[in-house]
Amino acid sequence: MYTDWISTAAFYAALQYLDSYLIQKRPPEKHTSHGAREEAIQLDKRISGIYSDYRSLKDLSQRARYDGKKPSPNEIKNDILPSLGAIKKHLRQFVPQITT
């Protein structure tokens, strides 16, 4: 199983969901760095609750890509997929185009 790719794909899916929320704001927000996105999450009261899930996905993805530490099947089941699901569910209330 390519768990490194699972963690990376989950993080970038979360990033796309987040960007779809940020770009529909008025005025639209377009962030080109991970740090700017993280700050946007933390400062926006409507989505600040997803910060820990987003940060967890980012950290697991970077650990897999840069440190060669692939997540275990348990981490995928208990951390990665639930974090992605929580982000998706939360953002769906603001961006109805995010589907199940």
PDB file of N, CA and C in Angstrom:
ATOM      1  N   MET A   1       0.850  -1.173   0.000  1.00  0.00           N
ATOM      2  CA  MET A   1       0.000   0.000   0.000  1.00  0.00           C
ATOM      3  C   MET A   1       0.899   1.240   0.000  1.00  0.00           C
ATOM      4  N   TYR A   2       0.543   2.208  -0.801  1.00  0.00           N
ATOM      5  CA  TYR A   2       1.321   3.436  -0.938  1.00  0.00           C
ATOM      6  C   TYR A   2       0.810   4.479   0.050  1.00  0.00           C
ATOM      7  N   THR A   3       1.104   4.258   1.320  1.00  0.00           N
ATOM      8  CA  THR A   3       0.549   5.133   2.344  1.00  0.00           C
ATOM      9  C   THR A   3       1.104   6.552   2.274  1.00  0.00           C
ATOM     10  N   ASP A   4       2.315   6.702   1.723  1.00  0.00           N
ATOM     11  CA  ASP A   4       2.854   8.050   1.573  1.00  0.00           C
ATOM     12  C   ASP A   4       1.997   8.863   0.603  1.00  0.00           C
ATOM     13  N   TRP A   5       1.532   8.213  -0.457  1.00  0.00           N
ATOM     14  CA  TRP A   5       0.684   8.913  -1.425  1.00  0.00           C
ATOM     15  C   TRP A   5      -0.708   9.173  -0.871  1.00  0.00           C
ATOM     16  N   ILE A   6      -1.189   8.276  -0.039  1.00  0.00           N
ATOM     17  CA  ILE A   6      -2.498   8.492   0.580  1.00  0.00           C
ATOM     18  C   ILE A   6      -2.449   9.743   1.449  1.00  0.00           C
ATOM     19  N   SER A   7      -1.403   9.878   2.248  1.00  0.00           N
ATOM     20  CA  SER A   7      -1.306  11.054   3.115  1.00  0.00           C
ATOM     21  C   SER A   7      -1.144  12.331   2.294  1.00  0.00           C
ATOM     22  N   THR A   8      -0.379  12.265   1.226  1.00  0.00           N
ATOM     23  CA  THR A   8      -0.170  13.438   0.371  1.00  0.00           C
ATOM     24  C   THR A   8      -1.454  13.823  -0.355  1.00  0.00           C
ATOM     25  N   ALA A   9      -2.144  12.832  -0.911  1.00  0.00           N
ATOM     26  CA  ALA A   9      -3.395  13.113  -1.624  1.00  0.00           C
ATOM     27  C   ALA A   9      -4.446  13.681  -0.671  1.00  0.00           C
ATOM     28  N   ALA A  10      -4.517  13.156   0.542  1.00  0.00           N
ATOM     29  CA  ALA A  10      -5.490  13.655   1.519  1.00  0.00           C
ATOM     30  C   ALA A  10      -5.195  15.106   1.875  1.00  0.00           C
ATOM     31  N   PHE A  11      -3.919  15.432   2.080  1.00  0.00           N
ATOM     32  CA  PHE A  11      -3.569  16.819   2.408  1.00  0.00           C
ATOM     33  C   PHE A  11      -3.931  17.763   1.267  1.00  0.00           C
ATOM     34  N   TYR A  12      -3.583  17.384   0.046  1.00  0.00           N
ATOM     35  CA  TYR A  12      -3.871  18.287  -1.077  1.00  0.00           C
ATOM     36  C   TYR A  12      -5.368  18.355  -1.397  1.00  0.00           C
ATOM     37  N   ALA A  13      -6.116  17.315  -1.082  1.00  0.00           N
ATOM     38  CA  ALA A  13      -7.578  17.405  -1.208  1.00  0.00           C
ATOM     39  C   ALA A  13      -8.105  18.426  -0.202  1.00  0.00           C
ATOM     40  N   ALA A  14      -7.611  18.351   1.036  1.00  0.00           N
ATOM     41  CA  ALA A  14      -8.017  19.326   2.062  1.00  0.00           C
ATOM     42  C   ALA A  14      -7.645  20.740   1.641  1.00  0.00           C
ATOM     43  N   LEU A  15      -6.471  20.898   1.063  1.00  0.00           N
ATOM     44  CA  LEU A  15      -6.028  22.212   0.590  1.00  0.00           C
ATOM     45  C   LEU A  15      -6.978  22.740  -0.482  1.00  0.00           C
ATOM     46  N   GLN A  16      -7.414  21.887  -1.387  1.00  0.00           N
ATOM     47  CA  GLN A  16      -8.342  22.318  -2.439  1.00  0.00           C
ATOM     48  C   GLN A  16      -9.700  22.694  -1.855  1.00  0.00           C
ATOM     49  N   TYR A  17     -10.177  21.924  -0.888  1.00  0.00           N
ATOM     50  CA  TYR A  17     -11.434  22.278  -0.227  1.00  0.00           C
ATOM     51  C   TYR A  17     -11.303  23.638   0.451  1.00  0.00           C
ATOM     52  N   LEU A  18     -10.194  23.839   1.138  1.00  0.00           N
ATOM     53  CA  LEU A  18      -9.968  25.112   1.811  1.00  0.00           C
ATOM     54  C   LEU A  18      -9.902  26.259   0.806  1.00  0.00           C
ATOM     55  N   ASP A  19      -9.165  26.065  -0.268  1.00  0.00           N
ATOM     56  CA  ASP A  19      -9.073  27.118  -1.288  1.00  0.00           C
ATOM     57  C   ASP A  19     -10.434  27.437  -1.896  1.00  0.00           C
ATOM     58  N   SER A  20     -11.284  26.422  -2.058  1.00  0.00           N
ATOM     59  CA  SER A  20     -12.615  26.683  -2.616  1.00  0.00           C
ATOM     60  C   SER A  20     -13.432  27.553  -1.659  1.00  0.00           C
ATOM     61  N   TYR A  21     -13.219  27.405  -0.372  1.00  0.00           N
ATOM     62  CA  TYR A  21     -13.880  28.264   0.608  1.00  0.00           C
ATOM     63  C   TYR A  21     -13.299  29.679   0.549  1.00  0.00           C
ATOM     64  N   LEU A  22     -11.984  29.780   0.570  1.00  0.00           N
ATOM     65  CA  LEU A  22     -11.336  31.092   0.631  1.00  0.00           C
ATOM     66  C   LEU A  22     -11.619  31.937  -0.609  1.00  0.00           C
ATOM     67  N   ILE A  23     -11.673  31.317  -1.767  1.00  0.00           N
ATOM     68  CA  ILE A  23     -11.857  32.072  -3.011  1.00  0.00           C
ATOM     69  C   ILE A  23     -13.287  32.597  -3.153  1.00  0.00           C
ATOM     70  N   GLN A  24     -14.262  31.978  -2.475  1.00  0.00           N
ATOM     71  CA  GLN A  24     -15.637  32.453  -2.587  1.00  0.00           C
ATOM     72  C   GLN A  24     -15.962  33.549  -1.571  1.00  0.00           C
ATOM     73  N   LYS A  25     -15.011  33.848  -0.676  1.00  0.00           N
ATOM     74  CA  LYS A  25     -15.234  34.928   0.289  1.00  0.00           C
ATOM     75  C   LYS A  25     -15.238  36.269  -0.434  1.00  0.00           C
ATOM     76  N   ARG A  26     -15.810  37.271   0.206  1.00  0.00           N
ATOM     77  CA  ARG A  26     -15.821  38.626  -0.351  1.00  0.00           C
ATOM     78  C   ARG A  26     -15.075  39.555   0.568  1.00  0.00           C
ATOM     79  N   PRO A  27     -13.939  40.108   0.172  1.00  0.00           N
ATOM     80  CA  PRO A  27     -13.287  39.855  -1.107  1.00  0.00           C
ATOM     81  C   PRO A  27     -12.642  38.460  -1.124  1.00  0.00           C
ATOM     82  N   PRO A  28     -12.481  37.901  -2.323  1.00  0.00           N
ATOM     83  CA  PRO A  28     -11.871  36.566  -2.426  1.00  0.00           C
ATOM     84  C   PRO A  28     -10.456  36.569  -1.845  1.00  0.00           C
ATOM     85  N   GLU A  29     -10.105  35.462  -1.233  1.00  0.00           N
ATOM     86  CA  GLU A  29      -8.754  35.299  -0.698  1.00  0.00           C
ATOM     87  C   GLU A  29      -8.053  34.204  -1.483  1.00  0.00           C
ATOM     88  N   LYS A  30      -6.914  34.536  -2.026  1.00  0.00           N
ATOM     89  CA  LYS A  30      -6.098  33.545  -2.728  1.00  0.00           C
ATOM     90  C   LYS A  30      -4.735  33.527  -2.046  1.00  0.00           C
ATOM     91  N   HIS A  31      -4.396  32.399  -1.481  1.00  0.00           N
ATOM     92  CA  HIS A  31      -3.134  32.271  -0.759  1.00  0.00           C
ATOM     93  C   HIS A  31      -2.198  31.360  -1.538  1.00  0.00           C
ATOM     94  N   THR A  32      -0.964  31.767  -1.643  1.00  0.00           N
ATOM     95  CA  THR A  32      -0.009  30.999  -2.436  1.00  0.00           C
ATOM     96  C   THR A  32       1.012  30.264  -1.577  1.00  0.00           C
ATOM     97  N   SER A  33       0.897  30.369  -0.269  1.00  0.00           N
ATOM     98  CA  SER A  33       1.826  29.625   0.581  1.00  0.00           C
ATOM     99  C   SER A  33       1.046  28.878   1.656  1.00  0.00           C
ATOM    100  N   HIS A  34       1.643  27.804   2.142  1.00  0.00           N
ATOM    101  CA  HIS A  34       0.998  27.029   3.196  1.00  0.00           C
ATOM    102  C   HIS A  34       0.837  27.876   4.458  1.00  0.00           C
ATOM    103  N   GLY A  35       1.835  28.682   4.767  1.00  0.00           N
ATOM    104  CA  GLY A  35       1.770  29.523   5.952  1.00  0.00           C
ATOM    105  C   GLY A  35       0.631  30.522   5.886  1.00  0.00           C
ATOM    106  N   ALA A  36       0.412  31.102   4.716  1.00  0.00           N
ATOM    107  CA  ALA A  36      -0.677  32.064   4.552  1.00  0.00           C
ATOM    108  C   ALA A  36      -2.032  31.383   4.705  1.00  0.00           C
ATOM    109  N   ARG A  37      -2.157  30.158   4.201  1.00  0.00           N
ATOM    110  CA  ARG A  37      -3.408  29.415   4.360  1.00  0.00           C
ATOM    111  C   ARG A  37      -3.665  29.101   5.829  1.00  0.00           C
ATOM    112  N   GLU A  38      -2.619  28.664   6.516  1.00  0.00           N
ATOM    113  CA  GLU A  38      -2.775  28.346   7.934  1.00  0.00           C
ATOM    114  C   GLU A  38      -3.221  29.575   8.727  1.00  0.00           C
ATOM    115  N   GLU A  39      -2.632  30.710   8.424  1.00  0.00           N
ATOM    116  CA  GLU A  39      -3.024  31.941   9.099  1.00  0.00           C
ATOM    117  C   GLU A  39      -4.479  32.291   8.785  1.00  0.00           C
ATOM    118  N   ALA A  40      -4.879  32.103   7.533  1.00  0.00           N
ATOM    119  CA  ALA A  40      -6.260  32.386   7.139  1.00  0.00           C
ATOM    120  C   ALA A  40      -7.233  31.499   7.912  1.00  0.00           C
ATOM    121  N   ILE A  41      -6.886  30.233   8.102  1.00  0.00           N
ATOM    122  CA  ILE A  41      -7.744  29.326   8.864  1.00  0.00           C
ATOM    123  C   ILE A  41      -7.871  29.827  10.299  1.00  0.00           C
ATOM    124  N   GLN A  42      -6.756  30.146  10.901  1.00  0.00           N
ATOM    125  CA  GLN A  42      -6.750  30.549  12.301  1.00  0.00           C
ATOM    126  C   GLN A  42      -7.497  31.864  12.540  1.00  0.00           C
ATOM    127  N   LEU A  43      -7.478  32.760  11.574  1.00  0.00           N
ATOM    128  CA  LEU A  43      -8.102  34.069  11.747  1.00  0.00           C
ATOM    129  C   LEU A  43      -9.590  34.094  11.396  1.00  0.00           C
ATOM    130  N   ASP A  44     -10.058  33.087  10.689  1.00  0.00           N
ATOM    131  CA  ASP A  44     -11.452  33.041  10.255  1.00  0.00           C
ATOM    132  C   ASP A  44     -12.267  32.236  11.263  1.00  0.00           C
ATOM    133  N   LYS A  45     -13.112  32.913  12.012  1.00  0.00           N
ATOM    134  CA  LYS A  45     -13.876  32.247  13.072  1.00  0.00           C
ATOM    135  C   LYS A  45     -14.793  31.153  12.545  1.00  0.00           C
ATOM    136  N   ARG A  46     -15.200  31.255  11.283  1.00  0.00           N
ATOM    137  CA  ARG A  46     -16.092  30.234  10.722  1.00  0.00           C
ATOM    138  C   ARG A  46     -15.364  28.912  10.480  1.00  0.00           C
ATOM    139  N   ILE A  47     -14.048  28.962  10.304  1.00  0.00           N
ATOM    140  CA  ILE A  47     -13.328  27.729   9.971  1.00  0.00           C
ATOM    141  C   ILE A  47     -12.152  27.429  10.897  1.00  0.00           C
ATOM    142  N   SER A  48     -11.930  28.244  11.901  1.00  0.00           N
ATOM    143  CA  SER A  48     -10.760  28.033  12.764  1.00  0.00           C
ATOM    144  C   SER A  48     -10.789  26.660  13.450  1.00  0.00           C
ATOM    145  N   GLY A  49     -11.967  26.082  13.602  1.00  0.00           N
ATOM    146  CA  GLY A  49     -12.087  24.765  14.222  1.00  0.00           C
ATOM    147  C   GLY A  49     -11.465  23.633  13.428  1.00  0.00           C
ATOM    148  N   ILE A  50     -11.179  23.850  12.155  1.00  0.00           N
ATOM    149  CA  ILE A  50     -10.569  22.779  11.349  1.00  0.00           C
ATOM    150  C   ILE A  50      -9.046  22.866  11.328  1.00  0.00           C
ATOM    151  N   TYR A  51      -8.494  23.857  12.019  1.00  0.00           N
ATOM    152  CA  TYR A  51      -7.041  24.054  11.943  1.00  0.00           C
ATOM    153  C   TYR A  51      -6.256  22.820  12.357  1.00  0.00           C
ATOM    154  N   SER A  52      -6.619  22.193  13.464  1.00  0.00           N
ATOM    155  CA  SER A  52      -5.830  21.047  13.932  1.00  0.00           C
ATOM    156  C   SER A  52      -5.891  19.884  12.938  1.00  0.00           C
ATOM    157  N   ASP A  53      -7.052  19.668  12.310  1.00  0.00           N
ATOM    158  CA  ASP A  53      -7.149  18.611  11.295  1.00  0.00           C
ATOM    159  C   ASP A  53      -6.286  18.948  10.075  1.00  0.00           C
ATOM    160  N   TYR A  54      -6.356  20.205   9.635  1.00  0.00           N
ATOM    161  CA  TYR A  54      -5.557  20.633   8.481  1.00  0.00           C
ATOM    162  C   TYR A  54      -4.067  20.488   8.787  1.00  0.00           C
ATOM    163  N   ARG A  55      -3.665  20.944   9.962  1.00  0.00           N
ATOM    164  CA  ARG A  55      -2.247  20.895  10.340  1.00  0.00           C
ATOM    165  C   ARG A  55      -1.772  19.448  10.461  1.00  0.00           C
ATOM    166  N   SER A  56      -2.619  18.581  10.985  1.00  0.00           N
ATOM    167  CA  SER A  56      -2.265  17.167  11.096  1.00  0.00           C
ATOM    168  C   SER A  56      -2.028  16.557   9.713  1.00  0.00           C
ATOM    169  N   LEU A  57      -2.926  16.847   8.769  1.00  0.00           N
ATOM    170  CA  LEU A  57      -2.745  16.331   7.402  1.00  0.00           C
ATOM    171  C   LEU A  57      -1.468  16.874   6.774  1.00  0.00           C
ATOM    172  N   LYS A  58      -1.221  18.146   6.979  1.00  0.00           N
ATOM    173  CA  LYS A  58      -0.001  18.754   6.427  1.00  0.00           C
ATOM    174  C   LYS A  58       1.243  18.079   7.007  1.00  0.00           C
ATOM    175  N   ASP A  59       1.264  17.918   8.322  1.00  0.00           N
ATOM    176  CA  ASP A  59       2.434  17.323   8.972  1.00  0.00           C
ATOM    177  C   ASP A  59       2.668  15.883   8.532  1.00  0.00           C
ATOM    178  N   LEU A  60       1.592  15.083   8.461  1.00  0.00           N
ATOM    179  CA  LEU A  60       1.744  13.693   8.034  1.00  0.00           C
ATOM    180  C   LEU A  60       2.198  13.601   6.580  1.00  0.00           C
ATOM    181  N   SER A  61       1.693  14.494   5.750  1.00  0.00           N
ATOM    182  CA  SER A  61       2.096  14.517   4.347  1.00  0.00           C
ATOM    183  C   SER A  61       3.576  14.884   4.214  1.00  0.00           C
ATOM    184  N   GLN A  62       3.986  15.912   4.920  1.00  0.00           N
ATOM    185  CA  GLN A  62       5.388  16.341   4.840  1.00  0.00           C
ATOM    186  C   GLN A  62       6.321  15.292   5.424  1.00  0.00           C
ATOM    187  N   ARG A  63       5.890  14.657   6.496  1.00  0.00           N
ATOM    188  CA  ARG A  63       6.704  13.594   7.093  1.00  0.00           C
ATOM    189  C   ARG A  63       6.913  12.456   6.094  1.00  0.00           C
ATOM    190  N   ALA A  64       5.855  12.118   5.360  1.00  0.00           N
ATOM    191  CA  ALA A  64       5.958  11.032   4.373  1.00  0.00           C
ATOM    192  C   ALA A  64       6.839  11.445   3.195  1.00  0.00           C
ATOM    193  N   ARG A  65       6.643  12.665   2.706  1.00  0.00           N
ATOM    194  CA  ARG A  65       7.358  13.103   1.512  1.00  0.00           C
ATOM    195  C   ARG A  65       8.818  13.438   1.775  1.00  0.00           C
ATOM    196  N   TYR A  66       9.101  14.097   2.877  1.00  0.00           N
ATOM    197  CA  TYR A  66      10.449  14.625   3.091  1.00  0.00           C
ATOM    198  C   TYR A  66      11.286  13.811   4.068  1.00  0.00           C
ATOM    199  N   ASP A  67      10.628  13.110   4.992  1.00  0.00           N
ATOM    200  CA  ASP A  67      11.373  12.334   5.986  1.00  0.00           C
ATOM    201  C   ASP A  67      11.326  10.837   5.710  1.00  0.00           C
ATOM    202  N   GLY A  68      10.525  10.443   4.700  1.00  0.00           N
ATOM    203  CA  GLY A  68      10.422   9.027   4.369  1.00  0.00           C
ATOM    204  C   GLY A  68       9.685   8.195   5.408  1.00  0.00           C
ATOM    205  N   LYS A  69       8.908   8.843   6.274  1.00  0.00           N
ATOM    206  CA  LYS A  69       8.159   8.127   7.314  1.00  0.00           C
ATOM    207  C   LYS A  69       6.716   7.962   6.856  1.00  0.00           C
ATOM    208  N   LYS A  70       6.453   6.823   6.258  1.00  0.00           N
ATOM    209  CA  LYS A  70       5.115   6.551   5.738  1.00  0.00           C
ATOM    210  C   LYS A  70       4.141   6.310   6.886  1.00  0.00           C
ATOM    211  N   PRO A  71       2.924   6.837   6.756  1.00  0.00           N
ATOM    212  CA  PRO A  71       1.938   6.565   7.803  1.00  0.00           C
ATOM    213  C   PRO A  71       1.523   5.092   7.796  1.00  0.00           C
ATOM    214  N   SER A  72       1.224   4.606   8.968  1.00  0.00           N
ATOM    215  CA  SER A  72       0.774   3.216   9.098  1.00  0.00           C
ATOM    216  C   SER A  72      -0.683   3.109   8.661  1.00  0.00           C
ATOM    217  N   PRO A  73      -1.137   1.897   8.387  1.00  0.00           N
ATOM    218  CA  PRO A  73      -2.563   1.726   8.081  1.00  0.00           C
ATOM    219  C   PRO A  73      -3.468   2.264   9.196  1.00  0.00           C
ATOM    220  N   ASN A  74      -3.024   2.134  10.451  1.00  0.00           N
ATOM    221  CA  ASN A  74      -3.814   2.678  11.562  1.00  0.00           C
ATOM    222  C   ASN A  74      -3.864   4.200  11.518  1.00  0.00           C
ATOM    223  N   GLU A  75      -2.761   4.848  11.164  1.00  0.00           N
ATOM    224  CA  GLU A  75      -2.772   6.311  11.048  1.00  0.00           C
ATOM    225  C   GLU A  75      -3.713   6.757   9.929  1.00  0.00           C
ATOM    226  N   ILE A  76      -3.732   6.001   8.853  1.00  0.00           N
ATOM    227  CA  ILE A  76      -4.644   6.344   7.752  1.00  0.00           C
ATOM    228  C   ILE A  76      -6.092   6.220   8.237  1.00  0.00           C
ATOM    229  N   LYS A  77      -6.390   5.110   8.886  1.00  0.00           N
ATOM    230  CA  LYS A  77      -7.756   4.848   9.349  1.00  0.00           C
ATOM    231  C   LYS A  77      -8.187   5.792  10.469  1.00  0.00           C
ATOM    232  N   ASN A  78      -7.290   6.054  11.410  1.00  0.00           N
ATOM    233  CA  ASN A  78      -7.667   6.785  12.620  1.00  0.00           C
ATOM    234  C   ASN A  78      -7.342   8.274  12.603  1.00  0.00           C
ATOM    235  N   ASP A  79      -6.445   8.693  11.720  1.00  0.00           N
ATOM    236  CA  ASP A  79      -6.036  10.099  11.701  1.00  0.00           C
ATOM    237  C   ASP A  79      -6.325  10.783  10.360  1.00  0.00           C
ATOM    238  N   ILE A  80      -5.772  10.229   9.294  1.00  0.00           N
ATOM    239  CA  ILE A  80      -5.829  10.901   7.995  1.00  0.00           C
ATOM    240  C   ILE A  80      -7.248  10.979   7.453  1.00  0.00           C
ATOM    241  N   LEU A  81      -7.914   9.853   7.330  1.00  0.00           N
ATOM    242  CA  LEU A  81      -9.260   9.861   6.750  1.00  0.00           C
ATOM    243  C   LEU A  81     -10.268  10.623   7.617  1.00  0.00           C
ATOM    244  N   PRO A  82     -10.239  10.465   8.950  1.00  0.00           N
ATOM    245  CA  PRO A  82     -11.157  11.277   9.764  1.00  0.00           C
ATOM    246  C   PRO A  82     -10.871  12.782   9.680  1.00  0.00           C
ATOM    247  N   SER A  83      -9.603  13.168   9.616  1.00  0.00           N
ATOM    248  CA  SER A  83      -9.276  14.597   9.497  1.00  0.00           C
ATOM    249  C   SER A  83      -9.777  15.156   8.179  1.00  0.00           C
ATOM    250  N   LEU A  84      -9.553  14.433   7.097  1.00  0.00           N
ATOM    251  CA  LEU A  84     -10.042  14.890   5.797  1.00  0.00           C
ATOM    252  C   LEU A  84     -11.568  14.969   5.812  1.00  0.00           C
ATOM    253  N   GLY A  85     -12.219  13.971   6.380  1.00  0.00           N
ATOM    254  CA  GLY A  85     -13.674  13.977   6.458  1.00  0.00           C
ATOM    255  C   GLY A  85     -14.214  15.143   7.268  1.00  0.00           C
ATOM    256  N   ALA A  86     -13.545  15.477   8.365  1.00  0.00           N
ATOM    257  CA  ALA A  86     -13.985  16.589   9.208  1.00  0.00           C
ATOM    258  C   ALA A  86     -13.856  17.924   8.475  1.00  0.00           C
ATOM    259  N   ILE A  87     -12.757  18.091   7.756  1.00  0.00           N
ATOM    260  CA  ILE A  87     -12.549  19.322   6.985  1.00  0.00           C
ATOM    261  C   ILE A  87     -13.612  19.446   5.904  1.00  0.00           C
ATOM    262  N   LYS A  88     -13.811  18.375   5.188  1.00  0.00           N
ATOM    263  CA  LYS A  88     -14.797  18.363   4.102  1.00  0.00           C
ATOM    264  C   LYS A  88     -16.194  18.659   4.629  1.00  0.00           C
ATOM    265  N   LYS A  89     -16.569  18.013   5.709  1.00  0.00           N
ATOM    266  CA  LYS A  89     -17.898  18.212   6.290  1.00  0.00           C
ATOM    267  C   LYS A  89     -18.080  19.652   6.760  1.00  0.00           C
ATOM    268  N   HIS A  90     -17.076  20.200   7.418  1.00  0.00           N
ATOM    269  CA  HIS A  90     -17.188  21.568   7.932  1.00  0.00           C
ATOM    270  C   HIS A  90     -17.287  22.584   6.795  1.00  0.00           C
ATOM    271  N   LEU A  91     -16.444  22.437   5.789  1.00  0.00           N
ATOM    272  CA  LEU A  91     -16.433  23.421   4.700  1.00  0.00           C
ATOM    273  C   LEU A  91     -17.651  23.292   3.793  1.00  0.00           C
ATOM    274  N   ARG A  92     -18.248  22.116   3.746  1.00  0.00           N
ATOM    275  CA  ARG A  92     -19.420  21.891   2.898  1.00  0.00           C
ATOM    276  C   ARG A  92     -20.574  22.830   3.275  1.00  0.00           C
ATOM    277  N   GLN A  93     -20.657  23.234   4.524  1.00  0.00           N
ATOM    278  CA  GLN A  93     -21.746  24.137   4.922  1.00  0.00           C
ATOM    279  C   GLN A  93     -21.590  25.526   4.323  1.00  0.00           C
ATOM    280  N   PHE A  94     -20.380  25.868   3.889  1.00  0.00           N
ATOM    281  CA  PHE A  94     -20.124  27.168   3.270  1.00  0.00           C
ATOM    282  C   PHE A  94     -19.951  27.070   1.755  1.00  0.00           C
ATOM    283  N   VAL A  95     -19.548  25.897   1.291  1.00  0.00           N
ATOM    284  CA  VAL A  95     -19.315  25.664  -0.138  1.00  0.00           C
ATOM    285  C   VAL A  95     -20.110  24.425  -0.538  1.00  0.00           C
ATOM    286  N   PRO A  96     -21.353  24.603  -0.959  1.00  0.00           N
ATOM    287  CA  PRO A  96     -22.195  23.435  -1.260  1.00  0.00           C
ATOM    288  C   PRO A  96     -21.682  22.578  -2.412  1.00  0.00           C
ATOM    289  N   GLN A  97     -20.768  23.117  -3.221  1.00  0.00           N
ATOM    290  CA  GLN A  97     -20.220  22.339  -4.334  1.00  0.00           C
ATOM    291  C   GLN A  97     -19.303  21.217  -3.843  1.00  0.00           C
ATOM    292  N   ILE A  98     -18.875  21.275  -2.586  1.00  0.00           N
ATOM    293  CA  ILE A  98     -18.089  20.185  -2.018  1.00  0.00           C
ATOM    294  C   ILE A  98     -19.062  19.050  -1.773  1.00  0.00           C
ATOM    295  N   THR A  99     -18.854  17.948  -2.469  1.00  0.00           N
ATOM    296  CA  THR A  99     -19.786  16.831  -2.374  1.00  0.00           C
ATOM    297  C   THR A  99     -19.205  15.692  -1.561  1.00  0.00           C
ATOM    298  N   THR A 100     -20.045  14.742  -1.253  1.00  0.00           N
ATOM    299  CA  THR A 100     -19.609  13.584  -0.458  1.00  0.00           C
ATOM    300  C   THR A 100     -18.815  12.628  -1.291  1.00  0.00           C
TER     301      THR A 100
END
